[in-house]
Amino acid sequence: MQNTPLAGFACALAVWGLCSFVVRAAEPLARAHAHNDYLHERPLLDALDHGFTSVEADIFLDDGELLVAHTRRELVPGRTLQAQYLDPLRKRVRKGGGTVYAGGGPFHLLIDLKSPGEPTYKALAKVLATYADIISSVRDGRVDRKPVDVSISGNRPIGLIAAEPLRYAGIDGRISDLDSDAPAHFMPLVSDNWTAHFKWRGEGPLTPEERKKLTDAVEKAHARGRKIRFWATPDRVEAWRELDAAGVDLINTDNLAGLAAFLRGRPAD
């Protein structure tokens, strides 16, 4: 490539950070959750580029491999949890000096078990143990914090997970668990289907009754040290605004750019 004066000037601008095309790492968004993240063009990486701090991956145990897909007919050999999520996260943590994002802060990986719970989780537990350098663990009730927290959703073998003396994941509870006495390190998150509990679909105002129901659920979760999330929420600004105002910890979306823009544009707390 010819070294022209214009090219040299462009390089100088890049060095001083004055060009708009200079790529910078996105600031992390604590409330941004990438629902069915693996359906994006670049699983995990697109979410990270937008600053998301929570992503969701559905997995099936298939011939000894933990494959990421929404349904069995979409399984692709080699598209494993390790290849699409765990290995890239480990690489990023190592390159980033021990954190997923510069400046620290937790990163959450929600793993939804789609195949039968017990065999899938047993295989998953073995895999997670090989990433002990980046995944938080709990041994006999004592938490060892690492850059990545894992929660288990879907076909959750709750008894099996609870019985582990050393585990690398907590479980994703449901609205019916809001009054549970389970410790927050075992049930760090409560998630549920929005349409099973609320009639509002994002059009017109949220009724005072439903707004109170939402804030009551958030307060109950927080009182137990848990985060709260809803899936099947209207994926639009009107709903994001209500969820954000109510203090919902993880706002569910398939629209990475849209939610990121909303969260970055809202008034500071």
C-alpha atoms as a PDB file:
ATOM      1  CA  MET A   1       0.000   0.000   0.000  1.00  0.00           C
ATOM      2  CA  GLN A   2       1.358   3.420  -0.982  1.00  0.00           C
ATOM      3  CA  ASN A   3       2.202   5.662   1.953  1.00  0.00           C
ATOM      4  CA  THR A   4       0.468   8.888   0.891  1.00  0.00           C
ATOM      5  CA  PRO A   5       0.268  12.074   2.947  1.00  0.00           C
ATOM      6  CA  LEU A   6      -3.499  11.498   3.278  1.00  0.00           C
ATOM      7  CA  ALA A   7      -2.965   7.991   4.639  1.00  0.00           C
ATOM      8  CA  GLY A   8      -0.436   9.327   7.126  1.00  0.00           C
ATOM      9  CA  PHE A   9      -2.865  12.006   8.257  1.00  0.00           C
ATOM     10  CA  ALA A  10      -5.597   9.374   8.720  1.00  0.00           C
ATOM     11  CA  CYS A  11      -3.252   7.256  10.815  1.00  0.00           C
ATOM     12  CA  ALA A  12      -2.383  10.254  12.958  1.00  0.00           C
ATOM     13  CA  LEU A  13      -6.056  10.968  13.543  1.00  0.00           C
ATOM     14  CA  ALA A  14      -6.623   7.361  14.526  1.00  0.00           C
ATOM     15  CA  VAL A  15      -3.752   7.479  16.998  1.00  0.00           C
ATOM     16  CA  TRP A  16      -5.196  10.563  18.683  1.00  0.00           C
ATOM     17  CA  GLY A  17      -8.734   9.086  18.692  1.00  0.00           C
ATOM     18  CA  LEU A  18     -10.185  11.853  16.530  1.00  0.00           C
ATOM     19  CA  CYS A  19     -11.681   9.750  13.729  1.00  0.00           C
ATOM     20  CA  SER A  20     -15.274   8.591  13.857  1.00  0.00           C
ATOM     21  CA  PHE A  21     -14.277   5.238  12.414  1.00  0.00           C
ATOM     22  CA  VAL A  22     -11.982   4.387  15.323  1.00  0.00           C
ATOM     23  CA  VAL A  23     -13.578   1.403  17.073  1.00  0.00           C
ATOM     24  CA  ARG A  24     -14.061   1.669  20.828  1.00  0.00           C
ATOM     25  CA  ALA A  25     -15.345  -0.961  23.213  1.00  0.00           C
ATOM     26  CA  ALA A  26     -18.977  -0.426  24.144  1.00  0.00           C
ATOM     27  CA  GLU A  27     -19.769   0.728  27.658  1.00  0.00           C
ATOM     28  CA  PRO A  28     -21.522  -2.092  29.525  1.00  0.00           C
ATOM     29  CA  LEU A  29     -25.290  -1.898  30.006  1.00  0.00           C
ATOM     30  CA  ALA A  30     -26.235  -3.537  33.298  1.00  0.00           C
ATOM     31  CA  ARG A  31     -29.883  -4.103  32.323  1.00  0.00           C
ATOM     32  CA  ALA A  32     -29.436  -5.379  28.777  1.00  0.00           C
ATOM     33  CA  HIS A  33     -30.276  -9.080  28.227  1.00  0.00           C
ATOM     34  CA  ALA A  34     -29.922 -10.684  24.790  1.00  0.00           C
ATOM     35  CA  HIS A  35     -32.804 -13.144  24.502  1.00  0.00           C
ATOM     36  CA  ASN A  36     -32.021 -16.161  22.279  1.00  0.00           C
ATOM     37  CA  ASP A  37     -28.665 -14.544  21.631  1.00  0.00           C
ATOM     38  CA  TYR A  38     -27.466 -17.416  19.430  1.00  0.00           C
ATOM     39  CA  LEU A  39     -29.939 -16.379  16.701  1.00  0.00           C
ATOM     40  CA  HIS A  40     -27.933 -13.235  15.942  1.00  0.00           C
ATOM     41  CA  GLU A  41     -25.438 -13.194  13.101  1.00  0.00           C
ATOM     42  CA  ARG A  42     -22.508 -13.280  15.528  1.00  0.00           C
ATOM     43  CA  PRO A  43     -23.624 -15.021  18.727  1.00  0.00           C
ATOM     44  CA  LEU A  44     -22.241 -13.364  21.867  1.00  0.00           C
ATOM     45  CA  LEU A  45     -20.041 -10.998  19.866  1.00  0.00           C
ATOM     46  CA  ASP A  46     -22.930  -8.842  18.595  1.00  0.00           C
ATOM     47  CA  ALA A  47     -24.244  -8.552  22.157  1.00  0.00           C
ATOM     48  CA  LEU A  48     -20.808  -7.598  23.478  1.00  0.00           C
ATOM     49  CA  ASP A  49     -20.388  -5.001  20.748  1.00  0.00           C
ATOM     50  CA  HIS A  50     -23.615  -3.369  21.984  1.00  0.00           C
ATOM     51  CA  GLY A  51     -22.559  -3.501  25.646  1.00  0.00           C
ATOM     52  CA  PHE A  52     -24.930  -6.249  26.797  1.00  0.00           C
ATOM     53  CA  THR A  53     -24.014  -7.809  30.127  1.00  0.00           C
ATOM     54  CA  SER A  54     -26.397 -10.772  29.960  1.00  0.00           C
ATOM     55  CA  VAL A  55     -26.944 -13.276  27.155  1.00  0.00           C
ATOM     56  CA  GLU A  56     -29.081 -16.376  26.770  1.00  0.00           C
ATOM     57  CA  ALA A  57     -28.154 -19.648  25.076  1.00  0.00           C
ATOM     58  CA  ASP A  58     -30.426 -22.668  24.604  1.00  0.00           C
ATOM     59  CA  ILE A  59     -28.625 -26.010  24.632  1.00  0.00           C
ATOM     60  CA  PHE A  60     -29.325 -29.640  23.776  1.00  0.00           C
ATOM     61  CA  LEU A  61     -27.268 -32.649  24.820  1.00  0.00           C
ATOM     62  CA  ASP A  62     -26.681 -34.435  21.538  1.00  0.00           C
ATOM     63  CA  ASP A  63     -24.325 -37.405  21.207  1.00  0.00           C
ATOM     64  CA  GLY A  64     -22.265 -36.155  24.132  1.00  0.00           C
ATOM     65  CA  GLU A  65     -22.031 -32.551  22.906  1.00  0.00           C
ATOM     66  CA  LEU A  66     -23.788 -29.486  24.275  1.00  0.00           C
ATOM     67  CA  LEU A  67     -25.102 -27.911  21.100  1.00  0.00           C
ATOM     68  CA  VAL A  68     -26.620 -24.430  20.939  1.00  0.00           C
ATOM     69  CA  ALA A  69     -29.935 -24.164  19.087  1.00  0.00           C
ATOM     70  CA  HIS A  70     -33.580 -23.202  19.542  1.00  0.00           C
ATOM     71  CA  THR A  71     -34.982 -26.563  18.392  1.00  0.00           C
ATOM     72  CA  ARG A  72     -33.539 -30.004  17.676  1.00  0.00           C
ATOM     73  CA  ARG A  73     -34.005 -29.619  13.948  1.00  0.00           C
ATOM     74  CA  GLU A  74     -31.679 -26.599  14.075  1.00  0.00           C
ATOM     75  CA  LEU A  75     -28.773 -28.489  15.654  1.00  0.00           C
ATOM     76  CA  VAL A  76     -25.472 -28.151  13.814  1.00  0.00           C
ATOM     77  CA  PRO A  77     -22.472 -30.368  14.723  1.00  0.00           C
ATOM     78  CA  GLY A  78     -19.679 -28.327  16.226  1.00  0.00           C
ATOM     79  CA  ARG A  79     -21.896 -25.416  17.231  1.00  0.00           C
ATOM     80  CA  THR A  80     -21.199 -26.094  20.889  1.00  0.00           C
ATOM     81  CA  LEU A  81     -21.650 -24.006  24.012  1.00  0.00           C
ATOM     82  CA  GLN A  82     -17.887 -23.998  24.395  1.00  0.00           C
ATOM     83  CA  ALA A  83     -17.197 -22.761  20.864  1.00  0.00           C
ATOM     84  CA  GLN A  84     -19.887 -20.086  20.768  1.00  0.00           C
ATOM     85  CA  TYR A  85     -19.805 -18.786  24.338  1.00  0.00           C
ATOM     86  CA  LEU A  86     -17.351 -20.188  26.857  1.00  0.00           C
ATOM     87  CA  ASP A  87     -14.187 -20.066  24.750  1.00  0.00           C
ATOM     88  CA  PRO A  88     -14.813 -16.512  23.461  1.00  0.00           C
ATOM     89  CA  LEU A  89     -15.602 -15.327  27.003  1.00  0.00           C
ATOM     90  CA  ARG A  90     -12.408 -16.874  28.357  1.00  0.00           C
ATOM     91  CA  LYS A  91     -10.392 -15.284  25.572  1.00  0.00           C
ATOM     92  CA  ARG A  92     -11.962 -11.890  26.240  1.00  0.00           C
ATOM     93  CA  VAL A  93     -11.396 -12.142  29.998  1.00  0.00           C
ATOM     94  CA  ARG A  94      -7.739 -13.044  29.507  1.00  0.00           C
ATOM     95  CA  LYS A  95      -7.194 -10.238  27.014  1.00  0.00           C
ATOM     96  CA  GLY A  96      -9.106  -7.781  29.191  1.00  0.00           C
ATOM     97  CA  GLY A  97      -7.042  -8.274  32.297  1.00  0.00           C
ATOM     98  CA  GLY A  98      -9.559 -10.412  34.134  1.00  0.00           C
ATOM     99  CA  THR A  99     -12.938  -8.928  33.210  1.00  0.00           C
ATOM    100  CA  VAL A 100     -15.386  -9.143  30.302  1.00  0.00           C
ATOM    101  CA  TYR A 101     -15.637  -5.355  30.105  1.00  0.00           C
ATOM    102  CA  ALA A 102     -12.956  -2.832  30.984  1.00  0.00           C
ATOM    103  CA  GLY A 103     -13.574  -1.547  34.471  1.00  0.00           C
ATOM    104  CA  GLY A 104     -15.006  -4.825  35.703  1.00  0.00           C
ATOM    105  CA  GLY A 105     -18.563  -5.721  36.595  1.00  0.00           C
ATOM    106  CA  PRO A 106     -20.269  -9.120  36.319  1.00  0.00           C
ATOM    107  CA  PHE A 107     -21.315 -10.775  33.073  1.00  0.00           C
ATOM    108  CA  HIS A 108     -24.278 -13.168  33.099  1.00  0.00           C
ATOM    109  CA  LEU A 109     -24.729 -16.273  30.944  1.00  0.00           C
ATOM    110  CA  LEU A 110     -28.235 -17.747  31.130  1.00  0.00           C
ATOM    111  CA  ILE A 111     -28.219 -21.343  29.870  1.00  0.00           C
ATOM    112  CA  ASP A 112     -31.619 -22.784  28.969  1.00  0.00           C
ATOM    113  CA  LEU A 113     -31.660 -26.598  29.061  1.00  0.00           C
ATOM    114  CA  LYS A 114     -33.878 -27.812  26.214  1.00  0.00           C
ATOM    115  CA  SER A 115     -33.118 -31.554  26.415  1.00  0.00           C
ATOM    116  CA  PRO A 116     -33.935 -33.652  29.521  1.00  0.00           C
ATOM    117  CA  GLY A 117     -32.663 -31.829  32.573  1.00  0.00           C
ATOM    118  CA  GLU A 118     -30.589 -34.329  34.563  1.00  0.00           C
ATOM    119  CA  PRO A 119     -28.360 -35.742  31.798  1.00  0.00           C
ATOM    120  CA  THR A 120     -27.983 -32.328  30.172  1.00  0.00           C
ATOM    121  CA  TYR A 121     -27.013 -30.653  33.421  1.00  0.00           C
ATOM    122  CA  LYS A 122     -24.571 -33.421  34.381  1.00  0.00           C
ATOM    123  CA  ALA A 123     -22.770 -32.917  31.080  1.00  0.00           C
ATOM    124  CA  LEU A 124     -22.925 -29.142  31.497  1.00  0.00           C
ATOM    125  CA  ALA A 125     -21.539 -29.242  35.049  1.00  0.00           C
ATOM    126  CA  LYS A 126     -18.461 -31.099  33.805  1.00  0.00           C
ATOM    127  CA  VAL A 127     -17.940 -28.524  31.070  1.00  0.00           C
ATOM    128  CA  LEU A 128     -18.404 -25.541  33.392  1.00  0.00           C
ATOM    129  CA  ALA A 129     -15.819 -26.976  35.802  1.00  0.00           C
ATOM    130  CA  THR A 130     -13.196 -26.720  33.056  1.00  0.00           C
ATOM    131  CA  TYR A 131     -13.840 -22.946  32.944  1.00  0.00           C
ATOM    132  CA  ALA A 132     -13.377 -22.442  36.687  1.00  0.00           C
ATOM    133  CA  ASP A 133     -10.918 -19.643  35.948  1.00  0.00           C
ATOM    134  CA  ILE A 134     -13.710 -17.400  34.610  1.00  0.00           C
ATOM    135  CA  ILE A 135     -16.986 -18.741  36.118  1.00  0.00           C
ATOM    136  CA  SER A 136     -18.183 -17.964  39.635  1.00  0.00           C
ATOM    137  CA  SER A 137     -18.622 -20.983  41.882  1.00  0.00           C
ATOM    138  CA  VAL A 138     -20.256 -21.905  45.182  1.00  0.00           C
ATOM    139  CA  ARG A 139     -18.672 -24.427  47.527  1.00  0.00           C
ATOM    140  CA  ASP A 140     -20.669 -25.366  50.611  1.00  0.00           C
ATOM    141  CA  GLY A 141     -22.497 -22.043  50.518  1.00  0.00           C
ATOM    142  CA  ARG A 142     -19.407 -19.877  49.998  1.00  0.00           C
ATOM    143  CA  VAL A 143     -19.252 -17.862  46.774  1.00  0.00           C
ATOM    144  CA  ASP A 144     -16.032 -17.462  44.786  1.00  0.00           C
ATOM    145  CA  ARG A 145     -16.695 -14.576  42.403  1.00  0.00           C
ATOM    146  CA  LYS A 146     -15.275 -14.642  38.889  1.00  0.00           C
ATOM    147  CA  PRO A 147     -16.039 -12.495  35.809  1.00  0.00           C
ATOM    148  CA  VAL A 148     -18.906 -14.704  34.537  1.00  0.00           C
ATOM    149  CA  ASP A 149     -22.012 -15.797  36.452  1.00  0.00           C
ATOM    150  CA  VAL A 150     -24.069 -18.706  35.080  1.00  0.00           C
ATOM    151  CA  SER A 151     -27.769 -19.388  35.693  1.00  0.00           C
ATOM    152  CA  ILE A 152     -29.719 -22.458  34.586  1.00  0.00           C
ATOM    153  CA  SER A 153     -33.181 -22.120  33.075  1.00  0.00           C
ATOM    154  CA  GLY A 154     -35.500 -24.435  31.139  1.00  0.00           C
ATOM    155  CA  ASN A 155     -35.484 -28.076  32.261  1.00  0.00           C
ATOM    156  CA  ARG A 156     -33.843 -27.332  35.601  1.00  0.00           C
ATOM    157  CA  PRO A 157     -32.964 -30.389  37.736  1.00  0.00           C
ATOM    158  CA  ILE A 158     -33.290 -28.324  40.899  1.00  0.00           C
ATOM    159  CA  GLY A 159     -32.642 -31.129  43.377  1.00  0.00           C
ATOM    160  CA  LEU A 160     -29.533 -32.269  41.534  1.00  0.00           C
ATOM    161  CA  ILE A 161     -28.105 -28.754  41.429  1.00  0.00           C
ATOM    162  CA  ALA A 162     -28.941 -28.092  45.082  1.00  0.00           C
ATOM    163  CA  ALA A 163     -27.131 -31.255  46.185  1.00  0.00           C
ATOM    164  CA  GLU A 164     -23.797 -30.319  44.605  1.00  0.00           C
ATOM    165  CA  PRO A 165     -21.090 -29.432  47.159  1.00  0.00           C
ATOM    166  CA  LEU A 166     -19.357 -27.437  44.415  1.00  0.00           C
ATOM    167  CA  ARG A 167     -21.348 -25.874  41.597  1.00  0.00           C
ATOM    168  CA  TYR A 168     -20.727 -23.347  38.869  1.00  0.00           C
ATOM    169  CA  ALA A 169     -24.304 -22.183  38.359  1.00  0.00           C
ATOM    170  CA  GLY A 170     -27.439 -21.046  40.132  1.00  0.00           C
ATOM    171  CA  ILE A 171     -31.003 -21.604  38.995  1.00  0.00           C
ATOM    172  CA  ASP A 172     -33.423 -19.267  37.295  1.00  0.00           C
ATOM    173  CA  GLY A 173     -36.551 -19.141  39.491  1.00  0.00           C
ATOM    174  CA  ARG A 174     -40.133 -18.257  38.594  1.00  0.00           C
ATOM    175  CA  ILE A 175     -42.668 -15.747  39.933  1.00  0.00           C
ATOM    176  CA  SER A 176     -43.977 -18.508  42.190  1.00  0.00           C
ATOM    177  CA  ASP A 177     -40.523 -18.524  43.828  1.00  0.00           C
ATOM    178  CA  LEU A 178     -40.554 -14.869  44.879  1.00  0.00           C
ATOM    179  CA  ASP A 179     -41.142 -15.838  48.512  1.00  0.00           C
ATOM    180  CA  SER A 180     -38.670 -18.730  48.439  1.00  0.00           C
ATOM    181  CA  ASP A 181     -36.119 -18.944  51.232  1.00  0.00           C
ATOM    182  CA  ALA A 182     -33.487 -20.322  48.847  1.00  0.00           C
ATOM    183  CA  PRO A 183     -30.248 -18.321  49.149  1.00  0.00           C
ATOM    184  CA  ALA A 184     -29.550 -15.775  46.441  1.00  0.00           C
ATOM    185  CA  HIS A 185     -26.398 -17.635  45.354  1.00  0.00           C
ATOM    186  CA  PHE A 186     -28.621 -20.646  44.540  1.00  0.00           C
ATOM    187  CA  MET A 187     -31.469 -18.644  42.965  1.00  0.00           C
ATOM    188  CA  PRO A 188     -29.883 -15.371  41.817  1.00  0.00           C
ATOM    189  CA  LEU A 189     -32.554 -14.672  39.214  1.00  0.00           C
ATOM    190  CA  VAL A 190     -36.319 -14.943  38.844  1.00  0.00           C
ATOM    191  CA  SER A 191     -37.711 -14.996  35.300  1.00  0.00           C
ATOM    192  CA  ASP A 192     -41.203 -15.553  33.949  1.00  0.00           C
ATOM    193  CA  ASN A 193     -43.486 -15.219  30.953  1.00  0.00           C
ATOM    194  CA  TRP A 194     -44.869 -11.689  30.802  1.00  0.00           C
ATOM    195  CA  THR A 195     -48.040 -12.817  29.019  1.00  0.00           C
ATOM    196  CA  ALA A 196     -48.877 -15.256  31.825  1.00  0.00           C
ATOM    197  CA  HIS A 197     -49.007 -12.455  34.396  1.00  0.00           C
ATOM    198  CA  PHE A 198     -49.830  -9.230  32.556  1.00  0.00           C
ATOM    199  CA  LYS A 199     -52.437  -8.257  29.953  1.00  0.00           C
ATOM    200  CA  TRP A 200     -50.594  -5.180  28.693  1.00  0.00           C
ATOM    201  CA  ARG A 201     -48.961  -5.652  25.274  1.00  0.00           C
ATOM    202  CA  GLY A 202     -47.201  -2.318  24.908  1.00  0.00           C
ATOM    203  CA  GLU A 203     -50.055  -0.258  23.459  1.00  0.00           C
ATOM    204  CA  GLY A 204     -51.719   2.451  25.480  1.00  0.00           C
ATOM    205  CA  PRO A 205     -50.901   3.037  29.136  1.00  0.00           C
ATOM    206  CA  LEU A 206     -50.031   0.305  31.597  1.00  0.00           C
ATOM    207  CA  THR A 207     -52.876   0.200  34.108  1.00  0.00           C
ATOM    208  CA  PRO A 208     -52.146   1.291  37.685  1.00  0.00           C
ATOM    209  CA  GLU A 209     -53.060  -2.213  38.857  1.00  0.00           C
ATOM    210  CA  GLU A 210     -50.563  -3.900  36.543  1.00  0.00           C
ATOM    211  CA  ARG A 211     -47.882  -1.318  37.282  1.00  0.00           C
ATOM    212  CA  LYS A 212     -48.248  -2.041  40.997  1.00  0.00           C
ATOM    213  CA  LYS A 213     -48.145  -5.783  40.308  1.00  0.00           C
ATOM    214  CA  LEU A 214     -44.890  -5.261  38.412  1.00  0.00           C
ATOM    215  CA  THR A 215     -43.255  -3.082  41.056  1.00  0.00           C
ATOM    216  CA  ASP A 216     -44.370  -5.462  43.813  1.00  0.00           C
ATOM    217  CA  ALA A 217     -42.667  -8.363  41.998  1.00  0.00           C
ATOM    218  CA  VAL A 218     -39.476  -6.335  41.586  1.00  0.00           C
ATOM    219  CA  GLU A 219     -39.464  -5.352  45.255  1.00  0.00           C
ATOM    220  CA  LYS A 220     -39.988  -8.945  46.387  1.00  0.00           C
ATOM    221  CA  ALA A 221     -37.123 -10.177  44.192  1.00  0.00           C
ATOM    222  CA  HIS A 222     -34.788  -7.460  45.437  1.00  0.00           C
ATOM    223  CA  ALA A 223     -35.707  -8.099  49.067  1.00  0.00           C
ATOM    224  CA  ARG A 224     -34.337 -11.640  48.620  1.00  0.00           C
ATOM    225  CA  GLY A 225     -31.214 -10.418  46.828  1.00  0.00           C
ATOM    226  CA  ARG A 226     -32.392 -11.659  43.419  1.00  0.00           C
ATOM    227  CA  LYS A 227     -32.600 -10.065  40.008  1.00  0.00           C
ATOM    228  CA  ILE A 228     -35.794 -10.249  37.972  1.00  0.00           C
ATOM    229  CA  ARG A 229     -36.522 -10.655  34.253  1.00  0.00           C
ATOM    230  CA  PHE A 230     -39.535 -11.280  32.036  1.00  0.00           C
ATOM    231  CA  TRP A 231     -39.579 -12.955  28.660  1.00  0.00           C
ATOM    232  CA  ALA A 232     -42.243 -12.452  25.952  1.00  0.00           C
ATOM    233  CA  THR A 233     -42.414  -8.752  26.854  1.00  0.00           C
ATOM    234  CA  PRO A 234     -43.401  -6.332  24.071  1.00  0.00           C
ATOM    235  CA  ASP A 235     -40.077  -5.654  22.351  1.00  0.00           C
ATOM    236  CA  ARG A 236     -40.597  -1.927  21.984  1.00  0.00           C
ATOM    237  CA  VAL A 237     -39.647   1.341  23.642  1.00  0.00           C
ATOM    238  CA  GLU A 238     -42.946   1.685  25.504  1.00  0.00           C
ATOM    239  CA  ALA A 239     -42.350  -1.612  27.307  1.00  0.00           C
ATOM    240  CA  TRP A 240     -38.637  -0.966  27.902  1.00  0.00           C
ATOM    241  CA  ARG A 241     -39.611   2.327  29.545  1.00  0.00           C
ATOM    242  CA  GLU A 242     -42.039   0.638  31.937  1.00  0.00           C
ATOM    243  CA  LEU A 243     -39.618  -2.170  32.807  1.00  0.00           C
ATOM    244  CA  ASP A 244     -36.779   0.271  33.361  1.00  0.00           C
ATOM    245  CA  ALA A 245     -38.884   2.564  35.549  1.00  0.00           C
ATOM    246  CA  ALA A 246     -40.053  -0.390  37.647  1.00  0.00           C
ATOM    247  CA  GLY A 247     -36.476  -1.474  38.296  1.00  0.00           C
ATOM    248  CA  VAL A 248     -36.542  -4.725  36.318  1.00  0.00           C
ATOM    249  CA  ASP A 249     -32.920  -5.851  36.359  1.00  0.00           C
ATOM    250  CA  LEU A 250     -32.668  -7.587  32.982  1.00  0.00           C
ATOM    251  CA  ILE A 251     -34.683  -6.180  30.101  1.00  0.00           C
ATOM    252  CA  ASN A 252     -35.287  -8.913  27.552  1.00  0.00           C
ATOM    253  CA  THR A 253     -34.818  -8.131  23.847  1.00  0.00           C
ATOM    254  CA  ASP A 254     -34.122  -9.531  20.410  1.00  0.00           C
ATOM    255  CA  ASN A 255     -33.399  -5.980  19.197  1.00  0.00           C
ATOM    256  CA  LEU A 256     -29.856  -5.371  20.426  1.00  0.00           C
ATOM    257  CA  ALA A 257     -29.328  -2.004  18.774  1.00  0.00           C
ATOM    258  CA  GLY A 258     -32.752  -0.690  19.776  1.00  0.00           C
ATOM    259  CA  LEU A 259     -32.484  -1.528  23.475  1.00  0.00           C
ATOM    260  CA  ALA A 260     -28.882  -0.333  23.639  1.00  0.00           C
ATOM    261  CA  ALA A 261     -29.892   3.019  22.156  1.00  0.00           C
ATOM    262  CA  PHE A 262     -32.794   3.312  24.596  1.00  0.00           C
ATOM    263  CA  LEU A 263     -30.686   2.541  27.663  1.00  0.00           C
ATOM    264  CA  ARG A 264     -27.918   4.909  26.622  1.00  0.00           C
ATOM    265  CA  GLY A 265     -30.376   7.707  25.960  1.00  0.00           C
ATOM    266  CA  ARG A 266     -32.401   7.566  29.164  1.00  0.00           C
ATOM    267  CA  PRO A 267     -31.848  10.219  31.820  1.00  0.00           C
ATOM    268  CA  ALA A 268     -29.195   9.386  34.393  1.00  0.00           C
ATOM    269  CA  ASP A 269     -30.495   8.017  37.704  1.00  0.00           C
END
